[in-house]
């Protein structure tokens, strides 16, 4: 004798999926229990969610990426300030700034002609600017004892916004 019991669970006035449960009760079969979802999201509901996500991405994305450009400029200014302090320490120890030939590498490696060098003045190698270009070091400088600058995002002299030069003057 086989007896089938079909039970449907539904919750009215709520957006919950409906489940059907089938139970087989027989002396010769073990209990079988299966659950399957009857209801899901409609295509319209999925499209509305996708449109909302697209609108949010269109609004937040440009604001986020504009902040990245500002942070690169701030990082370049901070690195130039740090290099400037290291150059000042080099000058205190040796009595002069590194020559153009020695460049910023003199902050990490002792120049052959320098006996008073007490470095390294940087813990790591001389950093590249945030856009992957080397910093420009000029001595004597046009705006001070030395000039230290980055050409900005475009890598060329001049420019505006993110492409503007970042300098120590």
N, C-alpha and C. Protein backbone atom coordinates (compact mmCIF):
# COMPACT_ATOMS: atom_id res chain seq x y z
N UNK A 1 0.83 -1.16 0.00
CA UNK A 1 0.00 0.00 0.00
C UNK A 1 0.90 1.25 0.00
N UNK A 2 0.76 2.10 -0.99
CA UNK A 2 1.53 3.32 -1.13
C UNK A 2 0.64 4.50 -0.79
N UNK A 3 1.18 5.37 0.04
CA UNK A 3 0.41 6.55 0.41
C UNK A 3 1.27 7.77 0.11
N UNK A 4 0.77 8.69 -0.72
CA UNK A 4 1.47 9.91 -1.09
C UNK A 4 0.84 11.07 -0.34
N UNK A 5 1.71 11.90 0.17
CA UNK A 5 1.23 13.09 0.85
C UNK A 5 1.83 14.28 0.12
N UNK A 6 1.03 15.15 -0.43
CA UNK A 6 1.48 16.38 -1.09
C UNK A 6 1.08 17.56 -0.23
N UNK A 7 2.07 18.34 0.13
CA UNK A 7 1.82 19.51 0.96
C UNK A 7 2.39 20.72 0.24
N UNK A 8 1.64 21.80 0.16
CA UNK A 8 2.12 23.05 -0.44
C UNK A 8 2.19 24.11 0.64
N UNK A 9 3.38 24.72 0.75
CA UNK A 9 3.57 25.80 1.70
C UNK A 9 3.53 27.12 0.93
N UNK A 10 2.64 28.01 1.26
CA UNK A 10 2.59 29.32 0.64
C UNK A 10 2.40 30.36 1.72
N UNK A 11 2.96 31.50 1.48
CA UNK A 11 2.78 32.62 2.41
C UNK A 11 2.13 33.74 1.62
N UNK A 12 0.94 34.07 1.97
CA UNK A 12 0.22 35.10 1.25
C UNK A 12 0.70 36.48 1.68
N UNK A 13 0.56 37.43 0.76
CA UNK A 13 0.92 38.83 0.98
C UNK A 13 2.42 39.02 1.23
N UNK A 14 3.26 38.06 0.88
CA UNK A 14 4.71 38.20 1.01
C UNK A 14 5.35 37.71 -0.28
N UNK A 15 6.50 38.27 -0.62
CA UNK A 15 7.22 37.87 -1.82
C UNK A 15 8.19 36.74 -1.48
N UNK A 16 7.68 35.63 -1.08
CA UNK A 16 8.50 34.47 -0.73
C UNK A 16 8.25 33.39 -1.77
N UNK A 17 9.27 32.59 -2.09
CA UNK A 17 9.04 31.50 -3.05
C UNK A 17 8.13 30.44 -2.46
N UNK A 18 7.37 29.79 -3.32
CA UNK A 18 6.50 28.70 -2.88
C UNK A 18 7.28 27.40 -3.00
N UNK A 19 7.06 26.51 -2.07
CA UNK A 19 7.73 25.22 -2.09
C UNK A 19 6.70 24.11 -2.14
N UNK A 20 7.01 23.05 -2.88
CA UNK A 20 6.20 21.84 -2.89
C UNK A 20 7.01 20.75 -2.23
N UNK A 21 6.37 19.98 -1.38
CA UNK A 21 7.05 18.90 -0.70
C UNK A 21 6.33 17.60 -1.00
N UNK A 22 7.05 16.58 -1.37
CA UNK A 22 6.47 15.26 -1.62
C UNK A 22 7.10 14.27 -0.67
N UNK A 23 6.27 13.48 0.01
CA UNK A 23 6.77 12.48 0.93
C UNK A 23 6.18 11.13 0.53
N UNK A 24 7.00 10.13 0.37
CA UNK A 24 6.55 8.78 0.03
C UNK A 24 6.60 7.94 1.30
N UNK A 25 5.46 7.35 1.65
CA UNK A 25 5.44 6.49 2.83
C UNK A 25 5.02 5.10 2.37
N UNK A 26 5.89 4.17 2.54
CA UNK A 26 5.63 2.81 2.10
C UNK A 26 6.50 1.88 2.94
N UNK A 27 6.06 0.69 3.12
CA UNK A 27 6.84 -0.27 3.89
C UNK A 27 8.10 -0.67 3.14
N UNK A 28 8.06 -0.61 1.79
CA UNK A 28 9.21 -1.04 0.99
C UNK A 28 10.15 0.09 0.60
N UNK A 29 9.79 1.34 0.77
CA UNK A 29 10.68 2.44 0.38
C UNK A 29 10.99 3.30 1.60
N UNK A 30 12.15 3.86 1.56
CA UNK A 30 12.50 4.77 2.65
C UNK A 30 11.84 6.12 2.39
N UNK A 31 11.91 6.97 3.35
CA UNK A 31 11.27 8.27 3.22
C UNK A 31 12.00 9.10 2.17
N UNK A 32 11.26 9.63 1.23
CA UNK A 32 11.83 10.47 0.18
C UNK A 32 11.29 11.88 0.40
N UNK A 33 12.19 12.83 0.40
CA UNK A 33 11.81 14.20 0.66
C UNK A 33 12.43 15.07 -0.42
N UNK A 34 11.65 15.77 -1.19
CA UNK A 34 12.19 16.64 -2.23
C UNK A 34 11.54 18.01 -2.13
N UNK A 35 12.33 19.03 -2.37
CA UNK A 35 11.85 20.41 -2.31
C UNK A 35 12.26 21.09 -3.60
N UNK A 36 11.36 21.79 -4.23
CA UNK A 36 11.71 22.57 -5.43
C UNK A 36 11.03 23.92 -5.36
N UNK A 37 11.73 24.95 -5.80
CA UNK A 37 11.19 26.30 -5.79
C UNK A 37 10.25 26.46 -6.98
N UNK A 38 9.13 27.10 -6.73
CA UNK A 38 8.14 27.28 -7.78
C UNK A 38 8.20 28.70 -8.33
N UNK A 39 8.66 29.65 -7.53
CA UNK A 39 8.61 31.05 -7.92
C UNK A 39 10.00 31.66 -7.79
N UNK A 40 10.36 32.62 -8.66
CA UNK A 40 11.64 33.32 -8.62
C UNK A 40 11.45 34.77 -9.00
N UNK A 41 12.55 35.41 -9.43
CA UNK A 41 12.48 36.80 -9.85
C UNK A 41 12.00 36.87 -11.30
N UNK A 42 11.29 37.91 -11.61
CA UNK A 42 10.84 38.11 -12.99
C UNK A 42 11.93 38.86 -13.76
N UNK A 43 11.86 38.79 -15.05
CA UNK A 43 12.82 39.48 -15.91
C UNK A 43 12.76 40.99 -15.67
N UNK A 44 11.60 41.53 -15.46
CA UNK A 44 11.44 42.96 -15.23
C UNK A 44 12.14 43.38 -13.93
N UNK A 45 12.01 42.58 -12.89
CA UNK A 45 12.67 42.90 -11.63
C UNK A 45 14.20 42.90 -11.79
N UNK A 46 14.72 41.92 -12.53
CA UNK A 46 16.16 41.87 -12.77
C UNK A 46 16.62 43.07 -13.59
N UNK A 47 15.86 43.48 -14.57
CA UNK A 47 16.22 44.64 -15.38
C UNK A 47 16.24 45.92 -14.56
N UNK A 48 15.27 46.08 -13.67
CA UNK A 48 15.23 47.27 -12.82
C UNK A 48 16.47 47.32 -11.93
N UNK A 49 16.85 46.20 -11.35
CA UNK A 49 18.04 46.15 -10.50
C UNK A 49 19.28 46.48 -11.31
N UNK A 50 19.38 45.95 -12.53
CA UNK A 50 20.54 46.24 -13.37
C UNK A 50 20.61 47.71 -13.75
N UNK A 51 19.49 48.35 -14.03
CA UNK A 51 19.47 49.77 -14.34
C UNK A 51 19.92 50.60 -13.14
N UNK A 52 19.47 50.24 -11.95
CA UNK A 52 19.87 50.96 -10.74
C UNK A 52 21.37 50.83 -10.51
N UNK A 53 21.91 49.63 -10.67
CA UNK A 53 23.36 49.43 -10.51
C UNK A 53 24.13 50.23 -11.55
N UNK A 54 23.64 50.26 -12.78
CA UNK A 54 24.29 51.04 -13.84
C UNK A 54 24.30 52.52 -13.54
N UNK A 55 23.18 53.05 -13.03
CA UNK A 55 23.12 54.47 -12.67
C UNK A 55 24.09 54.80 -11.54
N UNK A 56 24.16 53.93 -10.54
CA UNK A 56 25.10 54.17 -9.45
C UNK A 56 26.54 54.15 -9.94
N UNK A 57 26.88 53.19 -10.78
CA UNK A 57 28.24 53.11 -11.32
C UNK A 57 28.57 54.33 -12.17
N UNK A 58 27.60 54.81 -12.94
CA UNK A 58 27.82 56.00 -13.76
C UNK A 58 28.01 57.26 -12.94
N UNK A 59 27.44 57.30 -11.77
CA UNK A 59 27.57 58.47 -10.90
C UNK A 59 28.83 58.40 -10.04
N UNK A 60 29.09 57.24 -9.45
CA UNK A 60 30.20 57.09 -8.51
C UNK A 60 31.54 56.93 -9.23
N UNK A 61 31.57 56.24 -10.37
CA UNK A 61 32.81 55.96 -11.08
C UNK A 61 33.64 57.19 -11.39
N UNK A 62 33.10 58.20 -12.08
CA UNK A 62 33.91 59.38 -12.39
C UNK A 62 34.41 60.13 -11.15
N UNK A 63 33.60 60.18 -10.11
CA UNK A 63 34.03 60.86 -8.88
C UNK A 63 35.19 60.10 -8.24
N UNK A 64 35.13 58.78 -8.28
CA UNK A 64 36.20 57.96 -7.70
C UNK A 64 37.50 58.15 -8.47
N UNK A 65 37.45 58.10 -9.80
CA UNK A 65 38.65 58.21 -10.60
C UNK A 65 39.24 59.62 -10.58
N UNK A 66 38.45 60.64 -10.36
CA UNK A 66 39.01 61.98 -10.24
C UNK A 66 39.81 62.12 -8.96
N UNK A 67 39.44 61.38 -7.92
CA UNK A 67 40.19 61.42 -6.66
C UNK A 67 41.56 60.74 -6.81
N UNK A 68 41.67 59.76 -7.71
CA UNK A 68 42.94 59.09 -7.91
C UNK A 68 43.97 60.08 -8.47
N UNK A 69 43.56 60.93 -9.41
CA UNK A 69 44.47 61.93 -9.96
C UNK A 69 44.96 62.90 -8.90
N UNK A 70 44.07 63.32 -8.01
CA UNK A 70 44.47 64.23 -6.93
C UNK A 70 45.43 63.55 -5.98
N UNK A 71 45.23 62.28 -5.69
CA UNK A 71 46.12 61.59 -4.76
C UNK A 71 47.50 61.38 -5.38
N UNK A 72 47.59 61.19 -6.69
CA UNK A 72 48.90 61.07 -7.35
C UNK A 72 49.67 62.38 -7.24
N UNK A 73 49.00 63.50 -7.38
CA UNK A 73 49.66 64.81 -7.24
C UNK A 73 50.15 65.01 -5.82
N UNK A 74 49.32 64.64 -4.84
CA UNK A 74 49.74 64.76 -3.43
C UNK A 74 50.92 63.85 -3.13
N UNK A 75 50.93 62.64 -3.70
CA UNK A 75 52.05 61.73 -3.50
C UNK A 75 53.33 62.30 -4.10
N UNK A 76 53.24 62.89 -5.28
CA UNK A 76 54.43 63.50 -5.91
C UNK A 76 54.97 64.64 -5.05
N UNK A 77 54.07 65.47 -4.51
CA UNK A 77 54.52 66.57 -3.63
C UNK A 77 55.20 66.03 -2.38
N UNK A 78 54.65 64.97 -1.80
CA UNK A 78 55.24 64.38 -0.60
C UNK A 78 56.61 63.76 -0.90
N UNK A 79 56.75 63.10 -2.04
CA UNK A 79 58.03 62.52 -2.41
C UNK A 79 59.08 63.59 -2.68
N UNK A 80 58.68 64.67 -3.34
CA UNK A 80 59.61 65.77 -3.60
C UNK A 80 60.05 66.39 -2.29
N UNK A 81 59.13 66.57 -1.35
CA UNK A 81 59.48 67.12 -0.04
C UNK A 81 60.46 66.21 0.69
N UNK A 82 60.24 64.91 0.63
CA UNK A 82 61.13 63.94 1.27
C UNK A 82 62.52 63.97 0.62
N UNK A 83 62.57 63.99 -0.72
CA UNK A 83 63.85 64.07 -1.42
C UNK A 83 64.59 65.36 -1.10
N UNK A 84 63.83 66.44 -0.96
CA UNK A 84 64.42 67.73 -0.61
C UNK A 84 65.09 67.67 0.77
N UNK A 85 64.44 67.03 1.72
CA UNK A 85 65.02 66.88 3.06
C UNK A 85 66.25 65.99 3.04
N UNK A 86 66.22 64.95 2.22
CA UNK A 86 67.39 64.08 2.09
C UNK A 86 68.57 64.84 1.46
N UNK A 87 68.27 65.67 0.47
CA UNK A 87 69.33 66.49 -0.15
C UNK A 87 69.91 67.49 0.85
N UNK A 88 69.06 68.06 1.71
CA UNK A 88 69.55 68.98 2.74
C UNK A 88 70.45 68.25 3.73
N UNK A 89 70.10 67.02 4.10
CA UNK A 89 70.93 66.23 5.01
C UNK A 89 72.27 65.90 4.35
N UNK A 90 72.24 65.57 3.06
CA UNK A 90 73.46 65.31 2.30
C UNK A 90 74.37 66.55 2.35
N UNK A 91 73.77 67.72 2.16
CA UNK A 91 74.54 68.97 2.18
C UNK A 91 75.14 69.25 3.55
N UNK A 92 74.38 68.95 4.62
CA UNK A 92 74.91 69.15 5.97
C UNK A 92 76.14 68.27 6.22
N UNK A 93 76.11 67.05 5.70
CA UNK A 93 77.23 66.13 5.91
C UNK A 93 78.43 66.45 5.03
N UNK A 94 78.20 66.80 3.78
CA UNK A 94 79.30 66.96 2.82
C UNK A 94 79.67 68.41 2.54
N UNK A 95 78.79 69.35 2.84
CA UNK A 95 79.07 70.75 2.58
C UNK A 95 78.56 71.24 1.24
N UNK A 96 77.99 70.36 0.44
CA UNK A 96 77.44 70.74 -0.87
C UNK A 96 76.39 69.73 -1.29
N UNK A 97 75.58 70.13 -2.27
CA UNK A 97 74.58 69.22 -2.82
C UNK A 97 75.25 68.32 -3.85
N UNK A 98 74.66 67.17 -4.18
CA UNK A 98 75.25 66.32 -5.23
C UNK A 98 75.30 67.05 -6.57
N UNK A 99 76.29 66.73 -7.36
CA UNK A 99 76.41 67.36 -8.69
C UNK A 99 75.36 66.77 -9.62
N UNK A 100 75.22 67.40 -10.79
CA UNK A 100 74.26 66.90 -11.79
C UNK A 100 74.65 65.48 -12.23
N UNK A 101 75.97 65.20 -12.35
CA UNK A 101 76.43 63.89 -12.78
C UNK A 101 76.08 62.82 -11.73
N UNK A 102 76.24 63.17 -10.44
CA UNK A 102 75.93 62.22 -9.37
C UNK A 102 74.42 62.03 -9.25
N UNK A 103 73.70 63.13 -9.40
CA UNK A 103 72.24 63.09 -9.35
C UNK A 103 71.69 62.61 -8.02
N UNK A 104 70.45 62.17 -8.03
CA UNK A 104 69.79 61.71 -6.81
C UNK A 104 70.31 60.34 -6.35
N UNK A 105 71.03 59.65 -7.21
CA UNK A 105 71.61 58.36 -6.83
C UNK A 105 72.63 58.53 -5.71
N UNK A 106 73.20 59.75 -5.55
CA UNK A 106 74.16 60.01 -4.48
C UNK A 106 73.51 59.92 -3.10
N UNK A 107 72.19 59.94 -3.04
CA UNK A 107 71.50 59.80 -1.76
C UNK A 107 71.48 58.35 -1.28
N UNK A 108 71.70 57.42 -2.19
CA UNK A 108 71.65 56.00 -1.86
C UNK A 108 73.04 55.37 -1.88
N UNK A 109 73.85 55.73 -2.86
CA UNK A 109 75.18 55.15 -3.06
C UNK A 109 76.25 56.23 -2.92
N UNK A 110 77.31 55.91 -2.18
CA UNK A 110 78.39 56.88 -1.97
C UNK A 110 79.10 57.19 -3.28
N UNK A 111 79.18 58.48 -3.62
CA UNK A 111 79.98 58.85 -4.79
C UNK A 111 81.46 58.58 -4.51
N UNK A 112 82.21 58.22 -5.53
CA UNK A 112 83.62 57.85 -5.37
C UNK A 112 84.45 59.01 -4.81
N UNK A 113 84.10 60.23 -5.15
CA UNK A 113 84.90 61.39 -4.74
C UNK A 113 84.46 61.98 -3.41
N UNK A 114 83.53 61.37 -2.72
CA UNK A 114 82.96 61.97 -1.51
C UNK A 114 83.43 61.22 -0.26
N UNK A 115 84.27 61.92 0.56
CA UNK A 115 84.80 61.28 1.77
C UNK A 115 83.93 61.53 3.00
N UNK A 116 83.16 62.60 3.00
CA UNK A 116 82.33 62.95 4.16
C UNK A 116 80.91 62.39 4.08
N UNK A 117 80.64 61.60 3.09
CA UNK A 117 79.30 61.02 2.88
C UNK A 117 78.95 60.14 4.07
N UNK A 118 77.77 60.34 4.65
CA UNK A 118 77.35 59.57 5.82
C UNK A 118 75.96 58.97 5.58
N UNK A 119 75.78 58.42 4.41
CA UNK A 119 74.46 57.89 4.03
C UNK A 119 74.36 56.42 4.27
N UNK A 120 73.42 55.77 3.70
CA UNK A 120 72.47 56.28 2.71
C UNK A 120 71.41 57.17 3.35
N UNK A 121 70.99 58.14 2.58
CA UNK A 121 70.01 59.12 3.05
C UNK A 121 68.57 58.69 2.73
N UNK A 122 68.44 57.69 1.89
CA UNK A 122 67.15 57.06 1.59
C UNK A 122 67.25 55.59 1.96
N UNK A 123 66.18 55.03 2.52
CA UNK A 123 66.19 53.61 2.90
C UNK A 123 66.15 52.71 1.68
N UNK A 124 65.48 53.17 0.63
CA UNK A 124 65.37 52.39 -0.61
C UNK A 124 65.95 53.21 -1.75
N UNK A 125 65.86 52.68 -2.95
CA UNK A 125 66.31 53.43 -4.13
C UNK A 125 65.47 54.67 -4.32
N UNK A 126 65.98 55.60 -5.12
CA UNK A 126 65.25 56.82 -5.42
C UNK A 126 63.94 56.44 -6.11
N UNK A 127 62.80 56.91 -5.58
CA UNK A 127 61.52 56.50 -6.17
C UNK A 127 61.26 57.18 -7.51
N UNK A 128 60.45 56.53 -8.30
CA UNK A 128 59.94 57.14 -9.53
C UNK A 128 58.73 57.98 -9.12
N UNK A 129 58.36 58.94 -9.95
CA UNK A 129 57.16 59.71 -9.63
C UNK A 129 55.93 58.81 -9.79
N UNK A 130 54.76 59.23 -9.31
CA UNK A 130 53.58 58.36 -9.37
C UNK A 130 53.17 57.92 -10.78
N UNK A 131 53.68 58.57 -11.80
CA UNK A 131 53.35 58.23 -13.18
C UNK A 131 54.44 57.38 -13.83
N UNK A 132 55.44 56.96 -13.05
CA UNK A 132 56.48 56.06 -13.54
C UNK A 132 57.67 56.74 -14.20
N UNK A 133 57.81 58.05 -14.04
CA UNK A 133 58.93 58.79 -14.63
C UNK A 133 59.92 59.17 -13.53
N UNK A 134 61.21 59.31 -13.87
CA UNK A 134 62.18 59.73 -12.85
C UNK A 134 62.01 61.22 -12.52
N UNK A 135 62.34 61.58 -11.29
CA UNK A 135 62.33 62.99 -10.90
C UNK A 135 63.51 63.69 -11.56
N UNK A 136 63.32 64.95 -11.90
CA UNK A 136 64.37 65.75 -12.54
C UNK A 136 65.07 66.57 -11.46
N UNK A 137 66.40 66.46 -11.42
CA UNK A 137 67.23 67.18 -10.45
C UNK A 137 68.17 68.09 -11.22
N UNK A 138 68.11 69.40 -10.92
CA UNK A 138 68.97 70.39 -11.59
C UNK A 138 69.72 71.18 -10.54
N UNK A 139 71.03 71.27 -10.70
CA UNK A 139 71.85 72.10 -9.83
C UNK A 139 72.87 72.83 -10.70
N UNK A 140 73.04 74.10 -10.63
CA UNK A 140 72.26 75.05 -9.83
C UNK A 140 70.85 75.18 -10.41
N UNK A 141 69.92 75.45 -9.53
CA UNK A 141 68.53 75.56 -9.95
C UNK A 141 68.20 76.95 -10.44
N UNK A 142 67.14 77.04 -11.20
CA UNK A 142 66.66 78.33 -11.68
C UNK A 142 65.81 79.04 -10.62
N UNK A 143 65.26 78.27 -9.67
CA UNK A 143 64.36 78.83 -8.66
C UNK A 143 64.90 78.72 -7.24
N UNK A 144 66.08 78.18 -7.07
CA UNK A 144 66.69 78.01 -5.77
C UNK A 144 68.07 77.38 -5.95
N UNK A 145 68.62 76.86 -4.85
CA UNK A 145 69.93 76.23 -4.96
C UNK A 145 69.89 75.01 -5.86
N UNK A 146 68.77 74.29 -5.82
CA UNK A 146 68.55 73.18 -6.74
C UNK A 146 67.07 73.13 -7.09
N UNK A 147 66.77 72.55 -8.22
CA UNK A 147 65.38 72.35 -8.65
C UNK A 147 65.10 70.85 -8.67
N UNK A 148 63.96 70.49 -8.14
CA UNK A 148 63.53 69.11 -8.13
C UNK A 148 62.09 69.09 -8.64
N UNK A 149 61.82 68.33 -9.71
CA UNK A 149 60.48 68.37 -10.28
C UNK A 149 60.09 67.08 -10.96
N UNK A 150 58.78 66.94 -11.10
CA UNK A 150 58.16 65.87 -11.88
C UNK A 150 57.35 66.54 -12.97
N UNK A 151 57.37 65.98 -14.16
CA UNK A 151 56.64 66.58 -15.28
C UNK A 151 55.16 66.25 -15.27
N UNK A 152 54.68 65.54 -14.28
CA UNK A 152 53.25 65.24 -14.18
C UNK A 152 52.85 64.05 -15.01
N UNK A 153 51.55 63.90 -15.19
CA UNK A 153 51.00 62.72 -15.86
C UNK A 153 51.43 62.61 -17.31
N UNK A 154 51.55 63.74 -18.01
CA UNK A 154 51.91 63.68 -19.43
C UNK A 154 53.40 63.50 -19.67
N UNK A 155 54.23 63.67 -18.64
CA UNK A 155 55.68 63.49 -18.79
C UNK A 155 56.36 64.58 -19.59
N UNK A 156 55.69 65.72 -19.79
CA UNK A 156 56.27 66.83 -20.56
C UNK A 156 56.20 68.11 -19.75
N UNK A 157 57.08 69.03 -20.06
CA UNK A 157 57.13 70.32 -19.37
C UNK A 157 55.81 71.06 -19.54
N UNK A 158 55.35 71.69 -18.47
CA UNK A 158 54.11 72.47 -18.51
C UNK A 158 52.90 71.58 -18.32
N UNK A 159 51.76 72.08 -18.68
CA UNK A 159 50.52 71.32 -18.57
C UNK A 159 49.61 71.89 -17.51
N UNK A 160 48.39 71.38 -17.48
CA UNK A 160 47.39 71.84 -16.51
C UNK A 160 46.73 70.63 -15.87
N UNK A 161 46.16 70.82 -14.69
CA UNK A 161 45.47 69.75 -13.99
C UNK A 161 46.42 68.64 -13.60
N UNK A 162 46.08 67.40 -13.94
CA UNK A 162 46.93 66.26 -13.62
C UNK A 162 48.22 66.25 -14.43
N UNK A 163 48.24 66.95 -15.56
CA UNK A 163 49.43 67.01 -16.41
C UNK A 163 50.38 68.13 -15.99
N UNK A 164 50.02 68.91 -14.97
CA UNK A 164 50.87 70.02 -14.52
C UNK A 164 52.12 69.49 -13.85
N UNK A 165 53.20 70.27 -13.93
CA UNK A 165 54.45 69.91 -13.28
C UNK A 165 54.30 70.05 -11.76
N UNK A 166 54.98 69.16 -11.04
CA UNK A 166 55.02 69.23 -9.58
C UNK A 166 56.45 69.56 -9.21
N UNK A 167 56.65 70.67 -8.49
CA UNK A 167 58.00 71.17 -8.24
C UNK A 167 58.26 71.42 -6.75
N UNK A 168 59.51 71.75 -6.43
CA UNK A 168 59.87 72.08 -5.05
C UNK A 168 59.89 73.59 -4.81
N UNK A 169 59.46 74.39 -5.77
CA UNK A 169 59.42 75.83 -5.55
C UNK A 169 58.03 76.35 -5.52
